[in-house]
Amino acid sequence: MNTIYKKFLFRVGSEVANEAKSIAPYKTGNLKKDIKVISYNHKKAVVGNTKLAPYAKFVHFGTKPHIIKAKNKKVLAAKGKIFGKKVNHPGTKASPYLENAANRYINSSGFTRAKSALANEVKNKLINDIKKAVK
């Protein structure tokens, strides 16, 4: 029976990952490419980003205002602009693409189909087990 649940949770995790890829910010780059089912078993599936996009948590949860200081250089610079020795970063707004993807999938017909397939597999397994027991 555990195999049936494991298969179901992998399906759900994969569908959530696909949904997350479709709604994730930054249409190119590692953030979107890196969304995957990280692990799964008969109890849960973990969907997220790996070390390929270490900044994913900052995109998903956002950041508070903070100070950025130059570490190995005299000044901070980007794209030809010089900012100085430190910068007051205003923070970033959260973009919870993984959570939103899970919610969208749970309310979709895809999840309804996955639950129906699970119910059918459990039913068939029970029927086969009963037939074996009665022999």
C-alpha atoms as a PDB file:
ATOM      1  CA  MET A   1       0.000   0.000   0.000  1.00  0.00           C
ATOM      2  CA  ASN A   2       2.910   2.362   0.739  1.00  0.00           C
ATOM      3  CA  THR A   3       3.973   2.115  -2.904  1.00  0.00           C
ATOM      4  CA  ILE A   4       0.566   3.392  -4.006  1.00  0.00           C
ATOM      5  CA  TYR A   5       0.821   6.439  -1.722  1.00  0.00           C
ATOM      6  CA  LYS A   6       4.421   7.062  -2.752  1.00  0.00           C
ATOM      7  CA  LYS A   7       3.414   7.053  -6.424  1.00  0.00           C
ATOM      8  CA  PHE A   8       0.507   9.413  -5.685  1.00  0.00           C
ATOM      9  CA  LEU A   9       2.692  11.869  -3.765  1.00  0.00           C
ATOM     10  CA  PHE A  10       5.326  11.874  -6.497  1.00  0.00           C
ATOM     11  CA  ARG A  11       2.574  12.688  -9.006  1.00  0.00           C
ATOM     12  CA  VAL A  12       1.269  15.517  -6.814  1.00  0.00           C
ATOM     13  CA  GLY A  13       4.789  16.840  -6.220  1.00  0.00           C
ATOM     14  CA  SER A  14       5.605  16.775  -9.933  1.00  0.00           C
ATOM     15  CA  GLU A  15       2.402  18.601 -10.818  1.00  0.00           C
ATOM     16  CA  VAL A  16       3.053  21.252  -8.153  1.00  0.00           C
ATOM     17  CA  ALA A  17       6.618  21.673  -9.475  1.00  0.00           C
ATOM     18  CA  ASN A  18       5.273  22.140 -13.027  1.00  0.00           C
ATOM     19  CA  GLU A  19       2.742  24.683 -11.782  1.00  0.00           C
ATOM     20  CA  ALA A  20       5.470  26.527  -9.851  1.00  0.00           C
ATOM     21  CA  LYS A  21       7.613  26.701 -12.990  1.00  0.00           C
ATOM     22  CA  SER A  22       4.729  28.315 -14.840  1.00  0.00           C
ATOM     23  CA  ILE A  23       4.153  31.041 -12.222  1.00  0.00           C
ATOM     24  CA  ALA A  24       7.654  31.594 -10.817  1.00  0.00           C
ATOM     25  CA  PRO A  25       9.078  35.081 -11.240  1.00  0.00           C
ATOM     26  CA  TYR A  26      12.105  35.502 -13.495  1.00  0.00           C
ATOM     27  CA  LYS A  27      11.104  33.721 -16.679  1.00  0.00           C
ATOM     28  CA  THR A  28      14.697  32.699 -17.384  1.00  0.00           C
ATOM     29  CA  GLY A  29      17.581  31.518 -15.252  1.00  0.00           C
ATOM     30  CA  ASN A  30      18.199  29.008 -12.552  1.00  0.00           C
ATOM     31  CA  LEU A  31      15.258  29.794 -10.265  1.00  0.00           C
ATOM     32  CA  LYS A  32      12.682  28.446 -12.685  1.00  0.00           C
ATOM     33  CA  LYS A  33      14.837  25.600 -14.059  1.00  0.00           C
ATOM     34  CA  ASP A  34      15.683  24.419 -10.557  1.00  0.00           C
ATOM     35  CA  ILE A  35      12.160  23.779  -9.228  1.00  0.00           C
ATOM     36  CA  LYS A  36      11.747  20.038  -8.665  1.00  0.00           C
ATOM     37  CA  VAL A  37      10.571  17.269  -6.394  1.00  0.00           C
ATOM     38  CA  ILE A  38      13.471  17.154  -3.950  1.00  0.00           C
ATOM     39  CA  SER A  39      12.285  14.079  -2.049  1.00  0.00           C
ATOM     40  CA  TYR A  40       9.199  11.939  -1.592  1.00  0.00           C
ATOM     41  CA  ASN A  41       7.993   8.892   0.266  1.00  0.00           C
ATOM     42  CA  HIS A  42       4.621   7.380   1.217  1.00  0.00           C
ATOM     43  CA  LYS A  43       3.929  10.268   3.651  1.00  0.00           C
ATOM     44  CA  LYS A  44       5.079  13.453   1.909  1.00  0.00           C
ATOM     45  CA  ALA A  45       6.606  15.068  -1.147  1.00  0.00           C
ATOM     46  CA  VAL A  46       9.024  18.001  -0.852  1.00  0.00           C
ATOM     47  CA  VAL A  47       9.046  20.464  -3.750  1.00  0.00           C
ATOM     48  CA  GLY A  48      11.486  23.355  -3.981  1.00  0.00           C
ATOM     49  CA  ASN A  49      14.783  24.639  -5.268  1.00  0.00           C
ATOM     50  CA  THR A  50      18.231  23.111  -4.772  1.00  0.00           C
ATOM     51  CA  LYS A  51      21.649  24.748  -4.507  1.00  0.00           C
ATOM     52  CA  LEU A  52      21.447  25.748  -8.181  1.00  0.00           C
ATOM     53  CA  ALA A  53      19.313  28.724  -7.088  1.00  0.00           C
ATOM     54  CA  PRO A  54      20.477  29.561  -3.535  1.00  0.00           C
ATOM     55  CA  TYR A  55      18.628  32.888  -3.695  1.00  0.00           C
ATOM     56  CA  ALA A  56      15.236  31.138  -4.095  1.00  0.00           C
ATOM     57  CA  LYS A  57      14.357  31.538  -0.406  1.00  0.00           C
ATOM     58  CA  PHE A  58      14.810  35.318  -0.684  1.00  0.00           C
ATOM     59  CA  VAL A  59      12.487  35.431  -3.696  1.00  0.00           C
ATOM     60  CA  HIS A  60       9.889  33.187  -2.055  1.00  0.00           C
ATOM     61  CA  PHE A  61       9.868  34.778   1.412  1.00  0.00           C
ATOM     62  CA  GLY A  62      11.145  38.276   0.558  1.00  0.00           C
ATOM     63  CA  THR A  63      13.690  40.224   2.584  1.00  0.00           C
ATOM     64  CA  LYS A  64      13.529  42.964   5.181  1.00  0.00           C
ATOM     65  CA  PRO A  65      15.361  46.247   4.582  1.00  0.00           C
ATOM     66  CA  HIS A  66      19.064  45.702   5.220  1.00  0.00           C
ATOM     67  CA  ILE A  67      22.508  47.215   4.720  1.00  0.00           C
ATOM     68  CA  ILE A  68      24.850  45.804   2.093  1.00  0.00           C
ATOM     69  CA  LYS A  69      28.554  46.491   2.726  1.00  0.00           C
ATOM     70  CA  ALA A  70      31.514  46.114   0.355  1.00  0.00           C
ATOM     71  CA  LYS A  71      33.592  43.109   1.444  1.00  0.00           C
ATOM     72  CA  ASN A  72      36.482  42.571  -0.936  1.00  0.00           C
ATOM     73  CA  LYS A  73      36.317  45.873  -2.825  1.00  0.00           C
ATOM     74  CA  LYS A  74      36.490  49.515  -1.838  1.00  0.00           C
ATOM     75  CA  VAL A  75      33.010  50.271  -3.183  1.00  0.00           C
ATOM     76  CA  LEU A  76      29.851  48.509  -4.314  1.00  0.00           C
ATOM     77  CA  ALA A  77      29.184  48.670  -8.046  1.00  0.00           C
ATOM     78  CA  ALA A  78      26.795  47.072 -10.515  1.00  0.00           C
ATOM     79  CA  LYS A  79      26.203  47.617 -14.235  1.00  0.00           C
ATOM     80  CA  GLY A  80      28.583  50.575 -14.386  1.00  0.00           C
ATOM     81  CA  LYS A  81      27.067  52.368 -11.389  1.00  0.00           C
ATOM     82  CA  ILE A  82      29.096  53.021  -8.249  1.00  0.00           C
ATOM     83  CA  PHE A  83      27.094  53.016  -5.023  1.00  0.00           C
ATOM     84  CA  GLY A  84      29.684  53.583  -2.277  1.00  0.00           C
ATOM     85  CA  LYS A  85      30.989  51.517   0.640  1.00  0.00           C
ATOM     86  CA  LYS A  86      27.520  50.560   1.860  1.00  0.00           C
ATOM     87  CA  VAL A  87      23.962  50.680   0.582  1.00  0.00           C
ATOM     88  CA  ASN A  88      20.634  50.696   2.395  1.00  0.00           C
ATOM     89  CA  HIS A  89      18.692  48.013   0.534  1.00  0.00           C
ATOM     90  CA  PRO A  90      14.911  48.583   0.798  1.00  0.00           C
ATOM     91  CA  GLY A  91      14.167  44.842   0.971  1.00  0.00           C
ATOM     92  CA  THR A  92      12.166  42.774  -1.488  1.00  0.00           C
ATOM     93  CA  LYS A  93       8.533  41.777  -1.573  1.00  0.00           C
ATOM     94  CA  ALA A  94       7.823  38.069  -1.102  1.00  0.00           C
ATOM     95  CA  SER A  95       6.795  36.103  -4.163  1.00  0.00           C
ATOM     96  CA  PRO A  96       5.611  32.772  -2.695  1.00  0.00           C
ATOM     97  CA  TYR A  97       5.522  30.911  -6.009  1.00  0.00           C
ATOM     98  CA  LEU A  98       5.790  27.445  -4.402  1.00  0.00           C
ATOM     99  CA  GLU A  99       2.934  28.043  -1.988  1.00  0.00           C
ATOM    100  CA  ASN A 100       0.807  29.618  -4.727  1.00  0.00           C
ATOM    101  CA  ALA A 101       1.530  26.686  -7.042  1.00  0.00           C
ATOM    102  CA  ALA A 102       0.480  24.171  -4.374  1.00  0.00           C
ATOM    103  CA  ASN A 103      -2.763  26.071  -3.739  1.00  0.00           C
ATOM    104  CA  ARG A 104      -3.537  26.344  -7.456  1.00  0.00           C
ATOM    105  CA  TYR A 105      -2.874  22.646  -8.011  1.00  0.00           C
ATOM    106  CA  ILE A 106      -4.971  21.557  -5.015  1.00  0.00           C
ATOM    107  CA  ASN A 107      -7.913  23.517  -6.435  1.00  0.00           C
ATOM    108  CA  SER A 108      -7.424  22.154  -9.965  1.00  0.00           C
ATOM    109  CA  SER A 109      -8.984  19.312 -11.897  1.00  0.00           C
ATOM    110  CA  GLY A 110      -5.522  17.727 -12.052  1.00  0.00           C
ATOM    111  CA  PHE A 111      -5.599  17.122  -8.308  1.00  0.00           C
ATOM    112  CA  THR A 112      -9.133  15.746  -8.575  1.00  0.00           C
ATOM    113  CA  ARG A 113      -7.915  13.278 -11.233  1.00  0.00           C
ATOM    114  CA  ALA A 114      -4.911  12.308  -9.079  1.00  0.00           C
ATOM    115  CA  LYS A 115      -7.204  11.625  -6.088  1.00  0.00           C
ATOM    116  CA  SER A 116      -9.535   9.524  -8.264  1.00  0.00           C
ATOM    117  CA  ALA A 117      -6.596   7.513  -9.566  1.00  0.00           C
ATOM    118  CA  LEU A 118      -5.403   6.981  -5.977  1.00  0.00           C
ATOM    119  CA  ALA A 119      -8.874   5.836  -4.885  1.00  0.00           C
ATOM    120  CA  ASN A 120      -9.020   3.358  -7.791  1.00  0.00           C
ATOM    121  CA  GLU A 121      -5.576   1.945  -6.984  1.00  0.00           C
ATOM    122  CA  VAL A 122      -6.455   1.534  -3.299  1.00  0.00           C
ATOM    123  CA  LYS A 123      -9.778  -0.107  -4.232  1.00  0.00           C
ATOM    124  CA  ASN A 124      -8.068  -2.533  -6.640  1.00  0.00           C
ATOM    125  CA  LYS A 125      -5.403  -3.393  -4.057  1.00  0.00           C
ATOM    126  CA  LEU A 126      -8.055  -4.081  -1.409  1.00  0.00           C
ATOM    127  CA  ILE A 127     -10.102  -6.245  -3.791  1.00  0.00           C
ATOM    128  CA  ASN A 128      -7.010  -8.255  -4.732  1.00  0.00           C
ATOM    129  CA  ASP A 129      -6.028  -8.660  -1.076  1.00  0.00           C
ATOM    130  CA  ILE A 130      -9.538  -9.859  -0.182  1.00  0.00           C
ATOM    131  CA  LYS A 131      -9.544 -12.338  -3.086  1.00  0.00           C
ATOM    132  CA  LYS A 132      -6.184 -13.736  -1.954  1.00  0.00           C
ATOM    133  CA  ALA A 133      -7.396 -14.020   1.640  1.00  0.00           C
ATOM    134  CA  VAL A 134     -10.579 -15.900   0.690  1.00  0.00           C
ATOM    135  CA  LYS A 135      -8.818 -18.508  -1.456  1.00  0.00           C
END
